[in-house]
PDB file of N, CA and C in Angstrom:
ATOM      1  N   MET A   1      18.638 -15.163   0.264  1.00  0.00           N
ATOM      2  CA  MET A   1      19.957 -14.588   0.183  1.00  0.00           C
ATOM      3  C   MET A   1      20.492 -14.402   1.595  1.00  0.00           C
ATOM      4  N   ASP A   2      21.719 -14.753   1.786  1.00  0.00           N
ATOM      5  CA  ASP A   2      22.402 -14.542   3.053  1.00  0.00           C
ATOM      6  C   ASP A   2      22.490 -13.037   3.308  1.00  0.00           C
ATOM      7  N   ALA A   3      22.067 -12.598   4.474  1.00  0.00           N
ATOM      8  CA  ALA A   3      22.062 -11.170   4.795  1.00  0.00           C
ATOM      9  C   ALA A   3      23.437 -10.542   4.620  1.00  0.00           C
ATOM     10  N   GLY A   4      24.498 -11.297   4.824  1.00  0.00           N
ATOM     11  CA  GLY A   4      25.849 -10.787   4.657  1.00  0.00           C
ATOM     12  C   GLY A   4      26.181 -10.429   3.221  1.00  0.00           C
ATOM     13  N   ARG A   5      25.366 -10.875   2.276  1.00  0.00           N
ATOM     14  CA  ARG A   5      25.602 -10.583   0.863  1.00  0.00           C
ATOM     15  C   ARG A   5      24.747  -9.424   0.351  1.00  0.00           C
ATOM     16  N   LEU A   6      23.935  -8.845   1.207  1.00  0.00           N
ATOM     17  CA  LEU A   6      23.114  -7.703   0.809  1.00  0.00           C
ATOM     18  C   LEU A   6      23.998  -6.489   0.557  1.00  0.00           C
ATOM     19  N   PRO A   7      23.544  -5.582  -0.319  1.00  0.00           N
ATOM     20  CA  PRO A   7      24.290  -4.329  -0.486  1.00  0.00           C
ATOM     21  C   PRO A   7      24.441  -3.628   0.866  1.00  0.00           C
ATOM     22  N   GLU A   8      25.501  -2.888   1.009  1.00  0.00           N
ATOM     23  CA  GLU A   8      25.830  -2.239   2.277  1.00  0.00           C
ATOM     24  C   GLU A   8      24.674  -1.393   2.815  1.00  0.00           C
ATOM     25  N   GLY A   9      24.413  -1.548   4.108  1.00  0.00           N
ATOM     26  CA  GLY A   9      23.417  -0.748   4.803  1.00  0.00           C
ATOM     27  C   GLY A   9      22.024  -1.355   4.854  1.00  0.00           C
ATOM     28  N   TRP A  10      21.739  -2.330   4.009  1.00  0.00           N
ATOM     29  CA  TRP A  10      20.377  -2.867   3.946  1.00  0.00           C
ATOM     30  C   TRP A  10      20.030  -3.778   5.118  1.00  0.00           C
ATOM     31  N   GLU A  11      20.969  -4.531   5.616  1.00  0.00           N
ATOM     32  CA  GLU A  11      20.665  -5.402   6.759  1.00  0.00           C
ATOM     33  C   GLU A  11      20.289  -4.550   7.969  1.00  0.00           C
ATOM     34  N   ALA A  12      20.981  -3.442   8.167  1.00  0.00           N
ATOM     35  CA  ALA A  12      20.703  -2.570   9.314  1.00  0.00           C
ATOM     36  C   ALA A  12      19.325  -1.916   9.213  1.00  0.00           C
ATOM     37  N   ARG A  13      18.790  -1.751   8.008  1.00  0.00           N
ATOM     38  CA  ARG A  13      17.480  -1.115   7.815  1.00  0.00           C
ATOM     39  C   ARG A  13      16.333  -2.120   7.949  1.00  0.00           C
ATOM     40  N   ALA A  14      16.648  -3.386   8.034  1.00  0.00           N
ATOM     41  CA  ALA A  14      15.630  -4.431   8.042  1.00  0.00           C
ATOM     42  C   ALA A  14      15.060  -4.675   9.431  1.00  0.00           C
ATOM     43  N   VAL A  15      13.848  -5.209   9.455  1.00  0.00           N
ATOM     44  CA  VAL A  15      13.251  -5.786  10.654  1.00  0.00           C
ATOM     45  C   VAL A  15      13.563  -7.270  10.562  1.00  0.00           C
ATOM     46  N   ARG A  16      14.060  -7.843  11.643  1.00  0.00           N
ATOM     47  CA  ARG A  16      14.493  -9.248  11.603  1.00  0.00           C
ATOM     48  C   ARG A  16      13.644 -10.099  12.536  1.00  0.00           C
ATOM     49  N   PHE A  17      13.224 -11.250  12.009  1.00  0.00           N
ATOM     50  CA  PHE A  17      12.592 -12.307  12.798  1.00  0.00           C
ATOM     51  C   PHE A  17      13.336 -13.589  12.472  1.00  0.00           C
ATOM     52  N   GLY A  18      14.204 -14.030  13.372  1.00  0.00           N
ATOM     53  CA  GLY A  18      15.004 -15.217  13.092  1.00  0.00           C
ATOM     54  C   GLY A  18      15.868 -14.977  11.866  1.00  0.00           C
ATOM     55  N   ASP A  19      15.730 -15.825  10.864  1.00  0.00           N
ATOM     56  CA  ASP A  19      16.495 -15.683   9.625  1.00  0.00           C
ATOM     57  C   ASP A  19      15.788 -14.828   8.583  1.00  0.00           C
ATOM     58  N   GLU A  20      14.601 -14.343   8.899  1.00  0.00           N
ATOM     59  CA  GLU A  20      13.810 -13.562   7.941  1.00  0.00           C
ATOM     60  C   GLU A  20      14.084 -12.069   8.111  1.00  0.00           C
ATOM     61  N   LEU A  21      14.230 -11.379   6.989  1.00  0.00           N
ATOM     62  CA  LEU A  21      14.415  -9.936   6.985  1.00  0.00           C
ATOM     63  C   LEU A  21      13.264  -9.296   6.228  1.00  0.00           C
ATOM     64  N   ALA A  22      12.859  -8.108   6.663  1.00  0.00           N
ATOM     65  CA  ALA A  22      11.773  -7.398   5.989  1.00  0.00           C
ATOM     66  C   ALA A  22      12.082  -5.910   5.968  1.00  0.00           C
ATOM     67  N   TRP A  23      11.504  -5.224   4.955  1.00  0.00           N
ATOM     68  CA  TRP A  23      11.680  -3.790   4.799  1.00  0.00           C
ATOM     69  C   TRP A  23      10.338  -3.155   4.528  1.00  0.00           C
ATOM     70  N   ARG A  24      10.224  -1.878   4.821  1.00  0.00           N
ATOM     71  CA  ARG A  24       9.026  -1.118   4.451  1.00  0.00           C
ATOM     72  C   ARG A  24       8.906  -1.159   2.928  1.00  0.00           C
ATOM     73  N   PRO A  25       7.689  -1.040   2.393  1.00  0.00           N
ATOM     74  CA  PRO A  25       7.493  -1.186   0.940  1.00  0.00           C
ATOM     75  C   PRO A  25       8.411  -0.320   0.072  1.00  0.00           C
ATOM     76  N   ALA A  26       8.569   0.954   0.397  1.00  0.00           N
ATOM     77  CA  ALA A  26       9.416   1.821  -0.438  1.00  0.00           C
ATOM     78  C   ALA A  26      10.871   1.361  -0.397  1.00  0.00           C
ATOM     79  N   ASP A  27      11.340   0.963   0.788  1.00  0.00           N
ATOM     80  CA  ASP A  27      12.707   0.445   0.901  1.00  0.00           C
ATOM     81  C   ASP A  27      12.852  -0.871   0.149  1.00  0.00           C
ATOM     82  N   ALA A  28      11.844  -1.729   0.236  1.00  0.00           N
ATOM     83  CA  ALA A  28      11.902  -3.011  -0.463  1.00  0.00           C
ATOM     84  C   ALA A  28      12.047  -2.795  -1.966  1.00  0.00           C
ATOM     85  N   ARG A  29      11.310  -1.850  -2.510  1.00  0.00           N
ATOM     86  CA  ARG A  29      11.432  -1.538  -3.952  1.00  0.00           C
ATOM     87  C   ARG A  29      12.850  -1.097  -4.302  1.00  0.00           C
ATOM     88  N   ARG A  30      13.409  -0.211  -3.479  1.00  0.00           N
ATOM     89  CA  ARG A  30      14.775   0.262  -3.746  1.00  0.00           C
ATOM     90  C   ARG A  30      15.776  -0.879  -3.638  1.00  0.00           C
ATOM     91  N   LEU A  31      15.606  -1.748  -2.654  1.00  0.00           N
ATOM     92  CA  LEU A  31      16.508  -2.889  -2.502  1.00  0.00           C
ATOM     93  C   LEU A  31      16.391  -3.816  -3.703  1.00  0.00           C
ATOM     94  N   ILE A  32      15.186  -4.098  -4.156  1.00  0.00           N
ATOM     95  CA  ILE A  32      14.993  -4.955  -5.325  1.00  0.00           C
ATOM     96  C   ILE A  32      15.702  -4.358  -6.543  1.00  0.00           C
ATOM     97  N   GLU A  33      15.603  -3.045  -6.708  1.00  0.00           N
ATOM     98  CA  GLU A  33      16.279  -2.383  -7.828  1.00  0.00           C
ATOM     99  C   GLU A  33      17.800  -2.476  -7.697  1.00  0.00           C
ATOM    100  N   GLU A  34      18.317  -2.318  -6.483  1.00  0.00           N
ATOM    101  CA  GLU A  34      19.771  -2.459  -6.272  1.00  0.00           C
ATOM    102  C   GLU A  34      20.223  -3.882  -6.556  1.00  0.00           C
ATOM    103  N   LEU A  35      19.431  -4.859  -6.117  1.00  0.00           N
ATOM    104  CA  LEU A  35      19.788  -6.250  -6.389  1.00  0.00           C
ATOM    105  C   LEU A  35      19.778  -6.519  -7.890  1.00  0.00           C
ATOM    106  N   ARG A  36      18.771  -5.978  -8.588  1.00  0.00           N
ATOM    107  CA  ARG A  36      18.722  -6.109 -10.048  1.00  0.00           C
ATOM    108  C   ARG A  36      19.998  -5.537 -10.668  1.00  0.00           C
ATOM    109  N   ASP A  37      20.377  -4.346 -10.251  1.00  0.00           N
ATOM    110  CA  ASP A  37      21.555  -3.700 -10.816  1.00  0.00           C
ATOM    111  C   ASP A  37      22.833  -4.492 -10.550  1.00  0.00           C
ATOM    112  N   ALA A  38      22.824  -5.291  -9.466  1.00  0.00           N
ATOM    113  CA  ALA A  38      23.975  -6.131  -9.133  1.00  0.00           C
ATOM    114  C   ALA A  38      23.893  -7.504  -9.798  1.00  0.00           C
ATOM    115  N   GLY A  39      22.813  -7.747 -10.562  1.00  0.00           N
ATOM    116  CA  GLY A  39      22.692  -9.005 -11.294  1.00  0.00           C
ATOM    117  C   GLY A  39      21.960 -10.116 -10.575  1.00  0.00           C
ATOM    118  N   TYR A  40      21.246  -9.784  -9.496  1.00  0.00           N
ATOM    119  CA  TYR A  40      20.472 -10.790  -8.763  1.00  0.00           C
ATOM    120  C   TYR A  40      19.028 -10.778  -9.249  1.00  0.00           C
ATOM    121  N   ALA A  41      18.432 -11.957  -9.361  1.00  0.00           N
ATOM    122  CA  ALA A  41      17.009 -12.071  -9.684  1.00  0.00           C
ATOM    123  C   ALA A  41      16.234 -12.264  -8.388  1.00  0.00           C
ATOM    124  N   VAL A  42      15.207 -11.467  -8.192  1.00  0.00           N
ATOM    125  CA  VAL A  42      14.320 -11.619  -7.045  1.00  0.00           C
ATOM    126  C   VAL A  42      13.171 -12.507  -7.506  1.00  0.00           C
ATOM    127  N   LEU A  43      13.016 -13.641  -6.865  1.00  0.00           N
ATOM    128  CA  LEU A  43      12.069 -14.653  -7.335  1.00  0.00           C
ATOM    129  C   LEU A  43      10.721 -14.603  -6.650  1.00  0.00           C
ATOM    130  N   GLY A  44      10.551 -13.709  -5.711  1.00  0.00           N
ATOM    131  CA  GLY A  44       9.265 -13.594  -5.045  1.00  0.00           C
ATOM    132  C   GLY A  44       9.396 -12.796  -3.768  1.00  0.00           C
ATOM    133  N   LEU A  45       8.253 -12.559  -3.150  1.00  0.00           N
ATOM    134  CA  LEU A  45       8.240 -11.827  -1.898  1.00  0.00           C
ATOM    135  C   LEU A  45       7.058 -12.272  -1.065  1.00  0.00           C
ATOM    136  N   GLU A  46       7.141 -11.924   0.205  1.00  0.00           N
ATOM    137  CA  GLU A  46       6.039 -12.161   1.136  1.00  0.00           C
ATOM    138  C   GLU A  46       5.669 -10.829   1.777  1.00  0.00           C
ATOM    139  N   ILE A  47       4.406 -10.700   2.114  1.00  0.00           N
ATOM    140  CA  ILE A  47       3.949  -9.532   2.868  1.00  0.00           C
ATOM    141  C   ILE A  47       3.635 -10.015   4.271  1.00  0.00           C
ATOM    142  N   TRP A  48       4.335  -9.455   5.248  1.00  0.00           N
ATOM    143  CA  TRP A  48       4.081  -9.840   6.625  1.00  0.00           C
ATOM    144  C   TRP A  48       4.289  -8.676   7.555  1.00  0.00           C
ATOM    145  N   THR A  49       3.715  -8.838   8.736  1.00  0.00           N
ATOM    146  CA  THR A  49       3.848  -7.842   9.790  1.00  0.00           C
ATOM    147  C   THR A  49       4.337  -8.533  11.054  1.00  0.00           C
ATOM    148  N   PRO A  50       5.011  -7.798  11.923  1.00  0.00           N
ATOM    149  CA  PRO A  50       5.431  -8.389  13.190  1.00  0.00           C
ATOM    150  C   PRO A  50       4.211  -8.820  14.010  1.00  0.00           C
ATOM    151  N   ALA A  51       4.319  -9.987  14.607  1.00  0.00           N
ATOM    152  CA  ALA A  51       3.216 -10.499  15.439  1.00  0.00           C
ATOM    153  C   ALA A  51       3.810 -11.336  16.564  1.00  0.00           C
ATOM    154  N   GLY A  52       4.240 -10.674  17.607  1.00  0.00           N
ATOM    155  CA  GLY A  52       4.834 -11.401  18.725  1.00  0.00           C
ATOM    156  C   GLY A  52       6.223 -11.898  18.377  1.00  0.00           C
ATOM    157  N   THR A  53       6.425 -13.198  18.514  1.00  0.00           N
ATOM    158  CA  THR A  53       7.757 -13.767  18.281  1.00  0.00           C
ATOM    159  C   THR A  53       7.951 -14.274  16.861  1.00  0.00           C
ATOM    160  N   ALA A  54       6.957 -14.144  16.018  1.00  0.00           N
ATOM    161  CA  ALA A  54       7.062 -14.602  14.628  1.00  0.00           C
ATOM    162  C   ALA A  54       6.279 -13.658  13.724  1.00  0.00           C
ATOM    163  N   PRO A  55       6.646 -13.603  12.451  1.00  0.00           N
ATOM    164  CA  PRO A  55       5.888 -12.728  11.561  1.00  0.00           C
ATOM    165  C   PRO A  55       4.520 -13.317  11.214  1.00  0.00           C
ATOM    166  N   ARG A  56       3.555 -12.444  10.977  1.00  0.00           N
ATOM    167  CA  ARG A  56       2.246 -12.871  10.473  1.00  0.00           C
ATOM    168  C   ARG A  56       2.266 -12.660   8.962  1.00  0.00           C
ATOM    169  N   VAL A  57       2.123 -13.726   8.213  1.00  0.00           N
ATOM    170  CA  VAL A  57       2.178 -13.661   6.751  1.00  0.00           C
ATOM    171  C   VAL A  57       0.787 -13.337   6.215  1.00  0.00           C
ATOM    172  N   TRP A  58       0.700 -12.266   5.418  1.00  0.00           N
ATOM    173  CA  TRP A  58      -0.563 -11.813   4.837  1.00  0.00           C
ATOM    174  C   TRP A  58      -0.714 -12.282   3.400  1.00  0.00           C
ATOM    175  N   GLY A  59       0.372 -12.567   2.758  1.00  0.00           N
ATOM    176  CA  GLY A  59       0.308 -12.994   1.368  1.00  0.00           C
ATOM    177  C   GLY A  59       1.709 -13.143   0.800  1.00  0.00           C
ATOM    178  N   TRP A  60       1.780 -13.695  -0.378  1.00  0.00           N
ATOM    179  CA  TRP A  60       3.054 -13.907  -1.045  1.00  0.00           C
ATOM    180  C   TRP A  60       2.835 -13.841  -2.545  1.00  0.00           C
ATOM    181  N   SER A  61       3.925 -13.660  -3.257  1.00  0.00           N
ATOM    182  CA  SER A  61       3.833 -13.544  -4.703  1.00  0.00           C
ATOM    183  C   SER A  61       3.546 -14.908  -5.327  1.00  0.00           C
ATOM    184  N   GLU A  62       2.770 -14.866  -6.367  1.00  0.00           N
ATOM    185  CA  GLU A  62       2.448 -16.082  -7.118  1.00  0.00           C
ATOM    186  C   GLU A  62       2.579 -15.767  -8.600  1.00  0.00           C
ATOM    187  N   TYR A  63       3.778 -15.743  -9.074  1.00  0.00           N
ATOM    188  CA  TYR A  63       4.041 -15.474 -10.473  1.00  0.00           C
ATOM    189  C   TYR A  63       5.236 -16.306 -10.907  1.00  0.00           C
ATOM    190  N   GLU A  64       5.440 -16.366 -12.182  1.00  0.00           N
ATOM    191  CA  GLU A  64       6.584 -17.092 -12.704  1.00  0.00           C
ATOM    192  C   GLU A  64       7.094 -16.373 -13.945  1.00  0.00           C
ATOM    193  N   VAL A  65       8.362 -16.060 -13.930  1.00  0.00           N
ATOM    194  CA  VAL A  65       9.030 -15.556 -15.116  1.00  0.00           C
ATOM    195  C   VAL A  65       9.946 -16.680 -15.567  1.00  0.00           C
ATOM    196  N   ARG A  66       9.715 -17.171 -16.745  1.00  0.00           N
ATOM    197  CA  ARG A  66      10.495 -18.313 -17.241  1.00  0.00           C
ATOM    198  C   ARG A  66      11.902 -17.878 -17.639  1.00  0.00           C
ATOM    199  N   TYR A  67      12.854 -18.705 -17.283  1.00  0.00           N
ATOM    200  CA  TYR A  67      14.247 -18.472 -17.650  1.00  0.00           C
ATOM    201  C   TYR A  67      14.505 -19.125 -18.994  1.00  0.00           C
ATOM    202  N   ASP A  68      14.907 -18.318 -19.970  1.00  0.00           N
ATOM    203  CA  ASP A  68      15.136 -18.840 -21.316  1.00  0.00           C
ATOM    204  C   ASP A  68      16.615 -18.910 -21.681  1.00  0.00           C
ATOM    205  N   GLY A  69      17.481 -18.734 -20.683  1.00  0.00           N
ATOM    206  CA  GLY A  69      18.913 -18.792 -20.938  1.00  0.00           C
ATOM    207  C   GLY A  69      19.583 -17.429 -20.973  1.00  0.00           C
ATOM    208  N   ASP A  70      18.792 -16.353 -20.983  1.00  0.00           N
ATOM    209  CA  ASP A  70      19.335 -14.994 -20.977  1.00  0.00           C
ATOM    210  C   ASP A  70      19.196 -14.438 -19.564  1.00  0.00           C
ATOM    211  N   TRP A  71      20.264 -14.549 -18.767  1.00  0.00           N
ATOM    212  CA  TRP A  71      20.202 -14.167 -17.355  1.00  0.00           C
ATOM    213  C   TRP A  71      19.843 -12.696 -17.175  1.00  0.00           C
ATOM    214  N   ARG A  72      20.446 -11.806 -17.952  1.00  0.00           N
ATOM    215  CA  ARG A  72      20.164 -10.375 -17.780  1.00  0.00           C
ATOM    216  C   ARG A  72      18.696 -10.066 -18.029  1.00  0.00           C
ATOM    217  N   ARG A  73      18.114 -10.671 -19.030  1.00  0.00           N
ATOM    218  CA  ARG A  73      16.689 -10.446 -19.308  1.00  0.00           C
ATOM    219  C   ARG A  73      15.841 -11.019 -18.171  1.00  0.00           C
ATOM    220  N   PHE A  74      16.197 -12.201 -17.681  1.00  0.00           N
ATOM    221  CA  PHE A  74      15.483 -12.831 -16.571  1.00  0.00           C
ATOM    222  C   PHE A  74      15.479 -11.917 -15.349  1.00  0.00           C
ATOM    223  N   VAL A  75      16.646 -11.372 -14.985  1.00  0.00           N
ATOM    224  CA  VAL A  75      16.763 -10.466 -13.840  1.00  0.00           C
ATOM    225  C   VAL A  75      15.882  -9.243 -14.064  1.00  0.00           C
ATOM    226  N   LYS A  76      15.984  -8.644 -15.244  1.00  0.00           N
ATOM    227  CA  LYS A  76      15.223  -7.431 -15.558  1.00  0.00           C
ATOM    228  C   LYS A  76      13.721  -7.680 -15.536  1.00  0.00           C
ATOM    229  N   GLU A  77      13.256  -8.800 -16.076  1.00  0.00           N
ATOM    230  CA  GLU A  77      11.823  -9.078 -16.145  1.00  0.00           C
ATOM    231  C   GLU A  77      11.217  -9.424 -14.794  1.00  0.00           C
ATOM    232  N   ASN A  78      12.013  -9.875 -13.846  1.00  0.00           N
ATOM    233  CA  ASN A  78      11.495 -10.184 -12.513  1.00  0.00           C
ATOM    234  C   ASN A  78      11.187  -8.933 -11.698  1.00  0.00           C
ATOM    235  N   VAL A  79      11.870  -7.835 -11.934  1.00  0.00           N
ATOM    236  CA  VAL A  79      11.683  -6.639 -11.109  1.00  0.00           C
ATOM    237  C   VAL A  79      10.265  -6.077 -11.210  1.00  0.00           C
ATOM    238  N   PRO A  80       9.736  -5.783 -12.408  1.00  0.00           N
ATOM    239  CA  PRO A  80       8.374  -5.224 -12.422  1.00  0.00           C
ATOM    240  C   PRO A  80       7.334  -6.200 -11.888  1.00  0.00           C
ATOM    241  N   THR A  81       7.552  -7.484 -12.089  1.00  0.00           N
ATOM    242  CA  THR A  81       6.626  -8.480 -11.586  1.00  0.00           C
ATOM    243  C   THR A  81       6.658  -8.508 -10.062  1.00  0.00           C
ATOM    244  N   THR A  82       7.841  -8.477  -9.500  1.00  0.00           N
ATOM    245  CA  THR A  82       8.001  -8.507  -8.040  1.00  0.00           C
ATOM    246  C   THR A  82       7.433  -7.250  -7.399  1.00  0.00           C
ATOM    247  N   THR A  83       7.689  -6.096  -7.970  1.00  0.00           N
ATOM    248  CA  THR A  83       7.293  -4.837  -7.326  1.00  0.00           C
ATOM    249  C   THR A  83       5.824  -4.493  -7.533  1.00  0.00           C
ATOM    250  N   THR A  84       5.108  -5.246  -8.358  1.00  0.00           N
ATOM    251  CA  THR A  84       3.669  -4.999  -8.514  1.00  0.00           C
ATOM    252  C   THR A  84       2.843  -6.136  -7.964  1.00  0.00           C
ATOM    253  N   THR A  85       3.483  -7.171  -7.433  1.00  0.00           N
ATOM    254  CA  THR A  85       2.756  -8.323  -6.886  1.00  0.00           C
ATOM    255  C   THR A  85       2.612  -8.165  -5.395  1.00  0.00           C
ATOM    256  N   GLY A  86       1.396  -7.934  -4.945  1.00  0.00           N
ATOM    257  CA  GLY A  86       1.119  -7.914  -3.512  1.00  0.00           C
ATOM    258  C   GLY A  86       1.562  -6.666  -2.792  1.00  0.00           C
ATOM    259  N   THR A  87       2.059  -5.664  -3.496  1.00  0.00           N
ATOM    260  CA  THR A  87       2.487  -4.445  -2.797  1.00  0.00           C
ATOM    261  C   THR A  87       1.660  -3.273  -3.222  1.00  0.00           C
TER     262      THR A  87
END
C-alpha cells in the first residue's frame, strides 16, 4: 500500500527503510484493524528489525485465506490470521 493512502497519522508512527514501513506489534495490530474497518485486506506481514541500512527479516506470514467473491468476509477473515501469524 502506498504510504500516502494510510489512515492519518500512521506514516508518521512508522519506522522507514526505503519504501518499507514498520510498526511496533501493538501499533501494527491497531493499524490492521483500522485498515479492515476501511475495507482493506491485509494479505501478510513480515517481522523485521533495523539492521544498518536495511531491515533484517526474521520471518513472514505463510497463510492463505481464499477469496470466494465476498469481499467483506475476505477482509474480515484475514485480520485474525494476520494478527496471530508470527507476532
